[in-house]
N, C-alpha and C. Protein backbone atom coordinates (compact mmCIF):
# COMPACT_ATOMS: atom_id res chain seq x y z
N UNK A 1 -15.78 0.47 7.98
CA UNK A 1 -15.07 0.95 6.80
C UNK A 1 -15.77 0.45 5.55
N UNK A 2 -15.75 1.24 4.49
CA UNK A 2 -16.39 0.89 3.23
C UNK A 2 -15.92 -0.44 2.67
N UNK A 3 -14.63 -0.70 2.78
CA UNK A 3 -14.07 -1.92 2.19
C UNK A 3 -14.77 -3.16 2.74
N UNK A 4 -14.93 -3.23 4.05
CA UNK A 4 -15.56 -4.39 4.67
C UNK A 4 -17.01 -4.51 4.22
N UNK A 5 -17.70 -3.39 4.13
CA UNK A 5 -19.09 -3.42 3.69
C UNK A 5 -19.21 -3.88 2.25
N UNK A 6 -18.28 -3.45 1.39
CA UNK A 6 -18.32 -3.81 -0.02
C UNK A 6 -18.16 -5.31 -0.24
N UNK A 7 -17.32 -5.94 0.56
CA UNK A 7 -16.98 -7.33 0.28
C UNK A 7 -17.66 -8.33 1.19
N UNK A 8 -18.36 -7.88 2.23
CA UNK A 8 -18.88 -8.82 3.22
C UNK A 8 -19.79 -9.89 2.60
N UNK A 9 -20.54 -9.57 1.58
CA UNK A 9 -21.40 -10.56 0.95
C UNK A 9 -20.70 -11.40 -0.10
N UNK A 10 -19.43 -11.13 -0.38
CA UNK A 10 -18.73 -11.82 -1.46
C UNK A 10 -17.77 -12.89 -0.99
N UNK A 11 -17.75 -13.17 0.30
CA UNK A 11 -16.80 -14.18 0.78
C UNK A 11 -17.20 -15.54 0.25
N UNK A 12 -16.30 -16.18 -0.48
CA UNK A 12 -16.61 -17.43 -1.17
C UNK A 12 -16.15 -18.66 -0.43
N UNK A 13 -15.23 -18.53 0.50
CA UNK A 13 -14.58 -19.70 1.06
C UNK A 13 -14.59 -19.65 2.58
N UNK A 14 -14.90 -20.74 3.19
CA UNK A 14 -14.82 -20.85 4.65
C UNK A 14 -14.02 -22.08 4.99
N UNK A 15 -13.24 -21.96 6.02
CA UNK A 15 -12.38 -23.08 6.40
C UNK A 15 -13.08 -23.90 7.50
N UNK A 16 -14.15 -24.57 7.12
CA UNK A 16 -14.89 -25.39 8.06
C UNK A 16 -14.38 -26.82 8.12
N UNK A 17 -13.43 -27.16 7.25
CA UNK A 17 -12.97 -28.54 7.17
C UNK A 17 -12.01 -28.90 8.30
N UNK A 18 -11.52 -27.93 9.04
CA UNK A 18 -10.65 -28.22 10.16
C UNK A 18 -10.85 -27.17 11.24
N UNK A 19 -10.39 -27.47 12.41
CA UNK A 19 -10.43 -26.51 13.50
C UNK A 19 -9.00 -26.21 13.93
N UNK A 20 -8.83 -25.04 14.49
CA UNK A 20 -7.51 -24.68 14.98
C UNK A 20 -7.33 -25.36 16.32
N UNK A 21 -6.51 -26.38 16.32
CA UNK A 21 -6.25 -27.13 17.54
C UNK A 21 -4.96 -26.70 18.19
N UNK A 22 -4.47 -27.57 19.04
CA UNK A 22 -3.25 -27.28 19.78
C UNK A 22 -2.08 -26.96 18.85
N UNK A 23 -2.00 -27.65 17.71
CA UNK A 23 -0.90 -27.43 16.76
C UNK A 23 -0.80 -25.97 16.36
N UNK A 24 -1.90 -25.39 15.89
CA UNK A 24 -1.86 -24.01 15.41
C UNK A 24 -1.73 -23.03 16.56
N UNK A 25 -2.38 -23.28 17.69
CA UNK A 25 -2.22 -22.37 18.83
C UNK A 25 -0.76 -22.34 19.26
N UNK A 26 -0.13 -23.49 19.27
CA UNK A 26 1.28 -23.55 19.67
C UNK A 26 2.16 -22.88 18.61
N UNK A 27 1.89 -23.15 17.34
CA UNK A 27 2.69 -22.56 16.26
C UNK A 27 2.61 -21.04 16.26
N UNK A 28 1.51 -20.49 16.75
CA UNK A 28 1.32 -19.04 16.76
C UNK A 28 1.60 -18.42 18.12
N UNK A 29 2.34 -19.10 18.98
CA UNK A 29 2.73 -18.48 20.25
C UNK A 29 3.61 -17.27 19.99
N UNK A 30 4.36 -17.31 18.91
CA UNK A 30 5.18 -16.19 18.50
C UNK A 30 4.45 -15.48 17.35
N UNK A 31 4.16 -14.19 17.48
CA UNK A 31 3.45 -13.49 16.39
C UNK A 31 4.22 -13.56 15.08
N UNK A 32 3.47 -13.55 13.98
CA UNK A 32 4.06 -13.61 12.65
C UNK A 32 3.71 -12.33 11.90
N UNK A 33 4.70 -11.76 11.26
CA UNK A 33 4.48 -10.54 10.49
C UNK A 33 3.65 -10.86 9.25
N UNK A 34 2.65 -10.06 9.00
CA UNK A 34 1.78 -10.25 7.84
C UNK A 34 2.33 -9.40 6.69
N UNK A 35 2.39 -10.01 5.51
CA UNK A 35 2.84 -9.32 4.30
C UNK A 35 1.78 -9.52 3.22
N UNK A 36 1.76 -8.65 2.25
CA UNK A 36 0.88 -8.82 1.10
C UNK A 36 1.72 -9.38 -0.05
N UNK A 37 1.27 -10.51 -0.60
CA UNK A 37 1.92 -11.14 -1.73
C UNK A 37 1.20 -10.69 -2.99
N UNK A 38 1.95 -10.16 -3.94
CA UNK A 38 1.34 -9.72 -5.20
C UNK A 38 1.82 -10.59 -6.34
N UNK A 39 0.92 -10.76 -7.30
CA UNK A 39 1.22 -11.58 -8.48
C UNK A 39 0.47 -11.01 -9.67
N UNK A 40 0.91 -11.45 -10.86
CA UNK A 40 0.27 -11.00 -12.11
C UNK A 40 0.34 -12.15 -13.10
N UNK A 41 -0.75 -12.34 -13.82
CA UNK A 41 -0.79 -13.33 -14.89
C UNK A 41 -1.69 -12.82 -15.99
N UNK A 42 -1.17 -12.76 -17.20
CA UNK A 42 -1.92 -12.33 -18.38
C UNK A 42 -2.63 -11.01 -18.14
N UNK A 43 -1.93 -10.07 -17.50
CA UNK A 43 -2.46 -8.73 -17.28
C UNK A 43 -3.39 -8.59 -16.10
N UNK A 44 -3.65 -9.66 -15.37
CA UNK A 44 -4.54 -9.60 -14.21
C UNK A 44 -3.71 -9.65 -12.93
N UNK A 45 -3.97 -8.72 -12.01
CA UNK A 45 -3.21 -8.61 -10.78
C UNK A 45 -3.97 -9.18 -9.60
N UNK A 46 -3.22 -9.69 -8.62
CA UNK A 46 -3.81 -10.22 -7.41
C UNK A 46 -2.95 -9.86 -6.21
N UNK A 47 -3.57 -9.81 -5.06
CA UNK A 47 -2.89 -9.50 -3.80
C UNK A 47 -3.50 -10.36 -2.70
N UNK A 48 -2.64 -10.93 -1.85
CA UNK A 48 -3.07 -11.90 -0.83
C UNK A 48 -2.26 -11.68 0.45
N UNK A 49 -2.92 -11.57 1.62
CA UNK A 49 -2.16 -11.46 2.87
C UNK A 49 -1.64 -12.84 3.29
N UNK A 50 -0.39 -12.87 3.75
CA UNK A 50 0.26 -14.12 4.13
C UNK A 50 1.12 -13.87 5.37
N UNK A 51 1.06 -14.80 6.31
CA UNK A 51 1.98 -14.71 7.44
C UNK A 51 2.96 -15.88 7.48
N UNK A 52 2.86 -16.80 6.54
CA UNK A 52 3.82 -17.90 6.43
C UNK A 52 4.84 -17.53 5.36
N UNK A 53 5.88 -16.82 5.77
CA UNK A 53 6.93 -16.39 4.86
C UNK A 53 8.21 -16.18 5.67
N UNK A 54 9.37 -16.33 4.96
CA UNK A 54 10.63 -16.14 5.67
C UNK A 54 11.81 -16.09 4.69
N UNK A 55 12.91 -15.46 5.13
CA UNK A 55 14.14 -15.52 4.35
C UNK A 55 14.76 -16.90 4.47
N UNK A 56 15.41 -17.36 3.40
CA UNK A 56 16.03 -18.69 3.41
C UNK A 56 17.55 -18.64 3.26
N UNK A 57 18.07 -17.63 2.56
CA UNK A 57 19.50 -17.60 2.27
C UNK A 57 19.94 -16.18 1.97
N UNK A 58 21.20 -15.87 2.36
CA UNK A 58 21.80 -14.58 2.00
C UNK A 58 22.46 -14.63 0.64
N UNK A 59 23.06 -15.79 0.32
CA UNK A 59 23.78 -15.92 -0.94
C UNK A 59 23.53 -17.30 -1.55
N UNK A 60 22.65 -17.38 -2.54
CA UNK A 60 21.92 -16.27 -3.13
C UNK A 60 20.80 -15.81 -2.20
N UNK A 61 20.29 -14.61 -2.46
CA UNK A 61 19.18 -14.09 -1.65
C UNK A 61 17.91 -14.86 -2.02
N UNK A 62 17.43 -15.69 -1.10
CA UNK A 62 16.22 -16.48 -1.33
C UNK A 62 15.19 -16.15 -0.27
N UNK A 63 13.93 -16.07 -0.71
CA UNK A 63 12.81 -15.81 0.20
C UNK A 63 11.71 -16.80 -0.11
N UNK A 64 11.01 -17.26 0.92
CA UNK A 64 10.00 -18.31 0.78
C UNK A 64 8.64 -17.83 1.27
N UNK A 65 7.61 -18.18 0.52
CA UNK A 65 6.23 -17.96 0.98
C UNK A 65 5.52 -19.31 0.92
N UNK A 66 4.57 -19.51 1.80
CA UNK A 66 3.79 -20.74 1.83
C UNK A 66 2.33 -20.39 1.56
N UNK A 67 1.79 -20.97 0.48
CA UNK A 67 0.40 -20.70 0.09
C UNK A 67 -0.38 -22.00 0.01
N UNK A 68 -1.67 -21.90 0.24
CA UNK A 68 -2.53 -23.07 0.09
C UNK A 68 -2.41 -23.57 -1.35
N UNK A 69 -2.14 -24.84 -1.50
CA UNK A 69 -1.97 -25.43 -2.84
C UNK A 69 -3.26 -25.27 -3.63
N UNK A 70 -3.15 -24.83 -4.87
CA UNK A 70 -4.30 -24.74 -5.75
C UNK A 70 -5.11 -23.47 -5.62
N UNK A 71 -4.76 -22.56 -4.70
CA UNK A 71 -5.54 -21.32 -4.66
C UNK A 71 -5.13 -20.43 -5.83
N UNK A 72 -5.84 -19.36 -6.04
CA UNK A 72 -5.63 -18.51 -7.21
C UNK A 72 -4.21 -17.94 -7.26
N UNK A 73 -3.71 -17.45 -6.14
CA UNK A 73 -2.35 -16.91 -6.12
C UNK A 73 -1.33 -17.98 -6.43
N UNK A 74 -1.52 -19.18 -5.91
CA UNK A 74 -0.61 -20.29 -6.21
C UNK A 74 -0.58 -20.57 -7.71
N UNK A 75 -1.73 -20.59 -8.34
CA UNK A 75 -1.81 -20.82 -9.78
C UNK A 75 -1.08 -19.71 -10.55
N UNK A 76 -1.30 -18.46 -10.13
CA UNK A 76 -0.69 -17.33 -10.83
C UNK A 76 0.84 -17.36 -10.71
N UNK A 77 1.34 -17.63 -9.52
CA UNK A 77 2.79 -17.63 -9.30
C UNK A 77 3.43 -18.80 -10.03
N UNK A 78 2.79 -19.96 -9.99
CA UNK A 78 3.33 -21.13 -10.71
C UNK A 78 3.44 -20.85 -12.20
N UNK A 79 2.43 -20.20 -12.77
CA UNK A 79 2.42 -19.94 -14.21
C UNK A 79 3.32 -18.77 -14.61
N UNK A 80 3.39 -17.74 -13.78
CA UNK A 80 4.16 -16.54 -14.15
C UNK A 80 5.63 -16.63 -13.76
N UNK A 81 5.92 -17.40 -12.72
CA UNK A 81 7.30 -17.54 -12.28
C UNK A 81 7.84 -16.39 -11.45
N UNK A 82 6.94 -15.57 -10.90
CA UNK A 82 7.42 -14.47 -10.05
C UNK A 82 6.33 -14.02 -9.08
N UNK A 83 6.78 -13.30 -8.04
CA UNK A 83 5.88 -12.74 -7.03
C UNK A 83 6.63 -11.64 -6.31
N UNK A 84 5.90 -10.85 -5.54
CA UNK A 84 6.52 -9.83 -4.69
C UNK A 84 5.97 -9.96 -3.28
N UNK A 85 6.83 -9.68 -2.32
CA UNK A 85 6.45 -9.65 -0.91
C UNK A 85 6.44 -8.18 -0.52
N UNK A 86 5.27 -7.70 -0.07
CA UNK A 86 5.08 -6.29 0.28
C UNK A 86 4.86 -6.20 1.78
N UNK A 87 5.77 -5.55 2.49
CA UNK A 87 5.66 -5.40 3.94
C UNK A 87 4.89 -4.12 4.23
N UNK A 88 3.76 -4.28 4.92
CA UNK A 88 2.83 -3.17 5.11
C UNK A 88 2.82 -2.67 6.55
N UNK A 89 2.45 -1.40 6.70
CA UNK A 89 2.27 -0.82 8.01
C UNK A 89 0.91 -1.19 8.59
N UNK A 90 0.79 -1.04 9.89
CA UNK A 90 -0.44 -1.41 10.60
C UNK A 90 -1.65 -0.62 10.14
N UNK A 91 -1.44 0.55 9.57
CA UNK A 91 -2.59 1.36 9.11
C UNK A 91 -3.32 0.69 7.95
N UNK A 92 -2.76 -0.36 7.37
CA UNK A 92 -3.41 -1.09 6.27
C UNK A 92 -4.11 -2.36 6.74
N UNK A 93 -4.33 -2.49 8.04
CA UNK A 93 -4.93 -3.71 8.59
C UNK A 93 -6.26 -4.07 7.93
N UNK A 94 -7.15 -3.12 7.80
CA UNK A 94 -8.48 -3.43 7.23
C UNK A 94 -8.38 -3.87 5.77
N UNK A 95 -7.53 -3.21 4.99
CA UNK A 95 -7.35 -3.60 3.59
C UNK A 95 -6.74 -5.00 3.50
N UNK A 96 -5.79 -5.30 4.38
CA UNK A 96 -5.16 -6.62 4.37
C UNK A 96 -6.17 -7.71 4.71
N UNK A 97 -6.99 -7.46 5.72
CA UNK A 97 -8.04 -8.43 6.08
C UNK A 97 -9.01 -8.61 4.92
N UNK A 98 -9.39 -7.52 4.28
CA UNK A 98 -10.32 -7.60 3.15
C UNK A 98 -9.73 -8.43 2.02
N UNK A 99 -8.43 -8.27 1.75
CA UNK A 99 -7.79 -9.04 0.67
C UNK A 99 -7.80 -10.53 0.95
N UNK A 100 -7.85 -10.92 2.21
CA UNK A 100 -7.87 -12.33 2.57
C UNK A 100 -9.25 -12.95 2.59
N UNK A 101 -10.28 -12.14 2.41
CA UNK A 101 -11.65 -12.65 2.53
C UNK A 101 -12.32 -12.94 1.20
N UNK A 102 -11.66 -12.69 0.10
CA UNK A 102 -12.26 -13.01 -1.19
C UNK A 102 -11.19 -13.40 -2.18
N UNK A 103 -11.59 -14.10 -3.19
CA UNK A 103 -10.65 -14.56 -4.22
C UNK A 103 -10.44 -13.47 -5.26
N UNK A 104 -9.21 -13.39 -5.75
CA UNK A 104 -8.92 -12.47 -6.83
C UNK A 104 -9.33 -13.02 -8.19
N UNK A 105 -9.76 -14.27 -8.21
CA UNK A 105 -10.16 -14.89 -9.47
C UNK A 105 -11.29 -14.10 -10.14
N UNK A 106 -12.24 -13.62 -9.35
CA UNK A 106 -13.39 -12.89 -9.90
C UNK A 106 -13.52 -11.48 -9.34
N UNK A 107 -12.51 -11.03 -8.60
CA UNK A 107 -12.57 -9.71 -7.97
C UNK A 107 -11.25 -8.99 -8.16
N UNK A 108 -11.32 -7.68 -8.35
CA UNK A 108 -10.12 -6.85 -8.39
C UNK A 108 -9.91 -6.32 -6.97
N UNK A 109 -9.06 -7.01 -6.22
CA UNK A 109 -8.85 -6.65 -4.82
C UNK A 109 -8.21 -5.27 -4.66
N UNK A 110 -7.39 -4.87 -5.62
CA UNK A 110 -6.80 -3.54 -5.54
C UNK A 110 -7.90 -2.47 -5.59
N UNK A 111 -8.82 -2.60 -6.53
CA UNK A 111 -9.92 -1.63 -6.64
C UNK A 111 -10.84 -1.67 -5.44
N UNK A 112 -11.21 -2.87 -5.01
CA UNK A 112 -12.14 -3.00 -3.88
C UNK A 112 -11.58 -2.45 -2.58
N UNK A 113 -10.28 -2.57 -2.38
CA UNK A 113 -9.68 -2.12 -1.12
C UNK A 113 -9.06 -0.74 -1.19
N UNK A 114 -8.90 -0.21 -2.39
CA UNK A 114 -8.27 1.10 -2.54
C UNK A 114 -6.75 1.06 -2.45
N UNK A 115 -6.16 -0.12 -2.48
CA UNK A 115 -4.70 -0.22 -2.46
C UNK A 115 -4.14 0.27 -3.80
N UNK A 116 -3.11 1.07 -3.73
CA UNK A 116 -2.48 1.57 -4.95
C UNK A 116 -1.39 0.62 -5.43
N UNK A 117 -1.04 0.74 -6.71
CA UNK A 117 -0.01 -0.10 -7.31
C UNK A 117 1.11 0.76 -7.84
N UNK A 118 2.32 0.20 -7.79
CA UNK A 118 3.47 0.80 -8.45
C UNK A 118 4.16 -0.30 -9.25
N UNK A 119 4.92 0.10 -10.25
CA UNK A 119 5.59 -0.85 -11.14
C UNK A 119 6.84 -1.41 -10.47
N UNK A 120 7.01 -2.70 -10.54
CA UNK A 120 8.23 -3.34 -10.04
C UNK A 120 9.38 -3.05 -10.99
N UNK A 121 10.60 -3.12 -10.48
CA UNK A 121 11.79 -2.84 -11.29
C UNK A 121 12.23 -4.04 -12.12
N UNK A 122 12.18 -5.25 -11.55
CA UNK A 122 12.82 -6.41 -12.17
C UNK A 122 11.88 -7.54 -12.56
N UNK A 123 10.70 -7.62 -11.96
CA UNK A 123 9.78 -8.71 -12.27
C UNK A 123 8.42 -8.14 -12.65
N UNK A 124 7.61 -8.92 -13.36
CA UNK A 124 6.32 -8.45 -13.86
C UNK A 124 5.21 -8.72 -12.85
N UNK A 125 5.25 -7.97 -11.75
CA UNK A 125 4.18 -8.00 -10.75
C UNK A 125 3.95 -6.58 -10.27
N UNK A 126 2.76 -6.29 -9.75
CA UNK A 126 2.58 -4.97 -9.15
C UNK A 126 3.19 -4.98 -7.74
N UNK A 127 3.61 -3.82 -7.30
CA UNK A 127 4.00 -3.63 -5.90
C UNK A 127 2.91 -2.78 -5.25
N UNK A 128 2.73 -2.94 -3.95
CA UNK A 128 1.71 -2.16 -3.26
C UNK A 128 2.32 -0.81 -2.88
N UNK A 129 1.65 0.23 -3.37
CA UNK A 129 2.08 1.59 -3.09
C UNK A 129 2.10 1.83 -1.57
N UNK A 130 3.08 2.57 -1.11
CA UNK A 130 3.24 2.95 0.29
C UNK A 130 3.60 1.79 1.22
N UNK A 131 4.08 0.69 0.67
CA UNK A 131 4.55 -0.41 1.51
C UNK A 131 5.81 0.03 2.26
N UNK A 132 6.06 -0.61 3.40
CA UNK A 132 7.29 -0.33 4.16
C UNK A 132 8.51 -0.79 3.39
N UNK A 133 8.33 -1.82 2.59
CA UNK A 133 9.40 -2.36 1.77
C UNK A 133 8.88 -3.45 0.87
N UNK A 134 9.69 -3.83 -0.14
CA UNK A 134 9.31 -4.85 -1.10
C UNK A 134 10.46 -5.80 -1.35
N UNK A 135 10.11 -7.01 -1.69
CA UNK A 135 11.05 -7.97 -2.25
C UNK A 135 10.45 -8.45 -3.56
N UNK A 136 11.13 -8.22 -4.66
CA UNK A 136 10.69 -8.73 -5.96
C UNK A 136 11.40 -10.07 -6.16
N UNK A 137 10.63 -11.13 -6.40
CA UNK A 137 11.21 -12.48 -6.44
C UNK A 137 10.91 -13.20 -7.75
N UNK A 138 11.93 -13.91 -8.24
CA UNK A 138 11.78 -14.83 -9.37
C UNK A 138 11.72 -16.24 -8.80
N UNK A 139 10.71 -16.97 -9.18
CA UNK A 139 10.50 -18.32 -8.66
C UNK A 139 11.63 -19.24 -9.10
N UNK A 140 12.28 -19.91 -8.13
CA UNK A 140 13.36 -20.85 -8.45
C UNK A 140 13.02 -22.27 -8.04
N UNK A 141 12.03 -22.44 -7.16
CA UNK A 141 11.67 -23.79 -6.73
C UNK A 141 10.31 -23.77 -6.05
N UNK A 142 9.63 -24.90 -6.12
CA UNK A 142 8.40 -25.11 -5.35
C UNK A 142 8.52 -26.44 -4.63
N UNK A 143 7.95 -26.49 -3.44
CA UNK A 143 7.95 -27.71 -2.64
C UNK A 143 6.54 -27.90 -2.11
N UNK A 144 5.91 -29.02 -2.47
CA UNK A 144 4.57 -29.32 -1.95
C UNK A 144 4.75 -29.91 -0.56
N UNK A 145 4.05 -29.31 0.40
CA UNK A 145 4.18 -29.72 1.81
C UNK A 145 2.79 -30.01 2.37
N UNK A 146 2.18 -31.08 1.95
CA UNK A 146 0.81 -31.37 2.39
C UNK A 146 -0.17 -30.48 1.66
N UNK A 147 -0.96 -29.72 2.40
CA UNK A 147 -1.99 -28.88 1.77
C UNK A 147 -1.48 -27.50 1.35
N UNK A 148 -0.20 -27.24 1.54
CA UNK A 148 0.41 -25.98 1.14
C UNK A 148 1.60 -26.23 0.20
N UNK A 149 1.96 -25.19 -0.53
CA UNK A 149 3.13 -25.23 -1.39
C UNK A 149 4.07 -24.11 -0.99
N UNK A 150 5.35 -24.45 -0.87
CA UNK A 150 6.38 -23.43 -0.63
C UNK A 150 6.83 -22.90 -1.98
N UNK A 151 6.80 -21.61 -2.13
CA UNK A 151 7.31 -20.94 -3.32
C UNK A 151 8.61 -20.25 -2.91
N UNK A 152 9.70 -20.71 -3.48
CA UNK A 152 11.01 -20.16 -3.14
C UNK A 152 11.43 -19.24 -4.27
N UNK A 153 11.67 -17.99 -3.91
CA UNK A 153 12.03 -16.99 -4.90
C UNK A 153 13.40 -16.42 -4.66
N UNK A 154 14.15 -16.21 -5.76
CA UNK A 154 15.40 -15.48 -5.65
C UNK A 154 15.07 -13.99 -5.74
N UNK A 155 15.57 -13.23 -4.79
CA UNK A 155 15.26 -11.81 -4.73
C UNK A 155 15.99 -11.08 -5.85
N UNK A 156 15.21 -10.49 -6.76
CA UNK A 156 15.77 -9.76 -7.90
C UNK A 156 15.96 -8.29 -7.59
N UNK A 157 15.14 -7.77 -6.67
CA UNK A 157 15.24 -6.37 -6.25
C UNK A 157 14.59 -6.24 -4.89
N UNK A 158 15.11 -5.30 -4.11
CA UNK A 158 14.51 -5.04 -2.80
C UNK A 158 14.57 -3.55 -2.53
N UNK A 159 13.62 -3.08 -1.73
CA UNK A 159 13.59 -1.67 -1.36
C UNK A 159 12.95 -1.54 0.01
N UNK A 160 13.53 -0.67 0.81
CA UNK A 160 12.98 -0.38 2.14
C UNK A 160 12.60 1.09 2.18
N UNK A 161 11.40 1.37 2.64
CA UNK A 161 10.93 2.74 2.80
C UNK A 161 11.01 3.12 4.28
N UNK A 162 10.43 4.23 4.63
CA UNK A 162 10.45 4.68 6.01
C UNK A 162 9.74 3.69 6.93
N UNK A 163 10.25 3.57 8.13
CA UNK A 163 9.67 2.66 9.12
C UNK A 163 8.31 3.19 9.60
N UNK A 164 7.44 2.27 9.94
CA UNK A 164 6.13 2.60 10.49
C UNK A 164 5.73 1.45 11.40
N UNK A 165 4.59 1.61 12.07
CA UNK A 165 4.11 0.53 12.93
C UNK A 165 3.81 -0.69 12.06
N UNK A 166 4.28 -1.86 12.50
CA UNK A 166 4.13 -3.09 11.73
C UNK A 166 2.88 -3.85 12.17
N UNK A 167 2.49 -4.84 11.37
CA UNK A 167 1.30 -5.64 11.69
C UNK A 167 1.69 -7.11 11.77
N UNK A 168 1.17 -7.80 12.80
CA UNK A 168 1.48 -9.20 13.07
C UNK A 168 0.20 -9.99 13.25
N UNK A 169 0.28 -11.29 13.01
CA UNK A 169 -0.84 -12.20 13.20
C UNK A 169 -0.59 -13.06 14.42
N UNK A 170 -1.56 -13.11 15.32
CA UNK A 170 -1.50 -14.01 16.46
C UNK A 170 -2.82 -14.76 16.53
N UNK A 171 -2.83 -15.91 17.15
CA UNK A 171 -4.05 -16.68 17.33
C UNK A 171 -4.48 -16.59 18.78
N UNK A 172 -5.77 -16.38 18.99
CA UNK A 172 -6.28 -16.33 20.35
C UNK A 172 -6.07 -17.67 21.03
N UNK A 173 -5.90 -17.64 22.32
CA UNK A 173 -5.65 -18.86 23.08
C UNK A 173 -6.89 -19.74 23.19
N UNK A 174 -8.06 -19.20 22.93
CA UNK A 174 -9.30 -20.00 23.07
C UNK A 174 -9.91 -20.28 21.74
């Protein structure tokens, strides 16, 4: 696919500082749904695939995402106070992988991957066009948990579109 060819030489970061040991293999025995997290700061948009996310409360409606502390999306969400969780169909697998292979700090991931944007109703972030559903979140708390930060958002708006095949992340046993 064109997307992979366009970005293959631009990968800036490799996770050579650790190996996936028993902890991660065990943690991923149950597949995790992958979502695209969108953010905006000073007119610049970013999108990042994440599988560490979950609902926290019905009342108030709270949703949590876990991001590597200090990465570009973490900086944007901390400064802007909002984010969106975009649930994507499996047909977006290549675009989602591409979004995870480069930083949005110096790249427009929406343009590089061909993902479309739509305007959110309640928060100042882009939503991914044709997503299965969205959660627009206002940041209400952050919790530093080692090398990651939990971003807890109160859901300001939500929308569900037609169902499609979903995409999950699993780790190989070897």
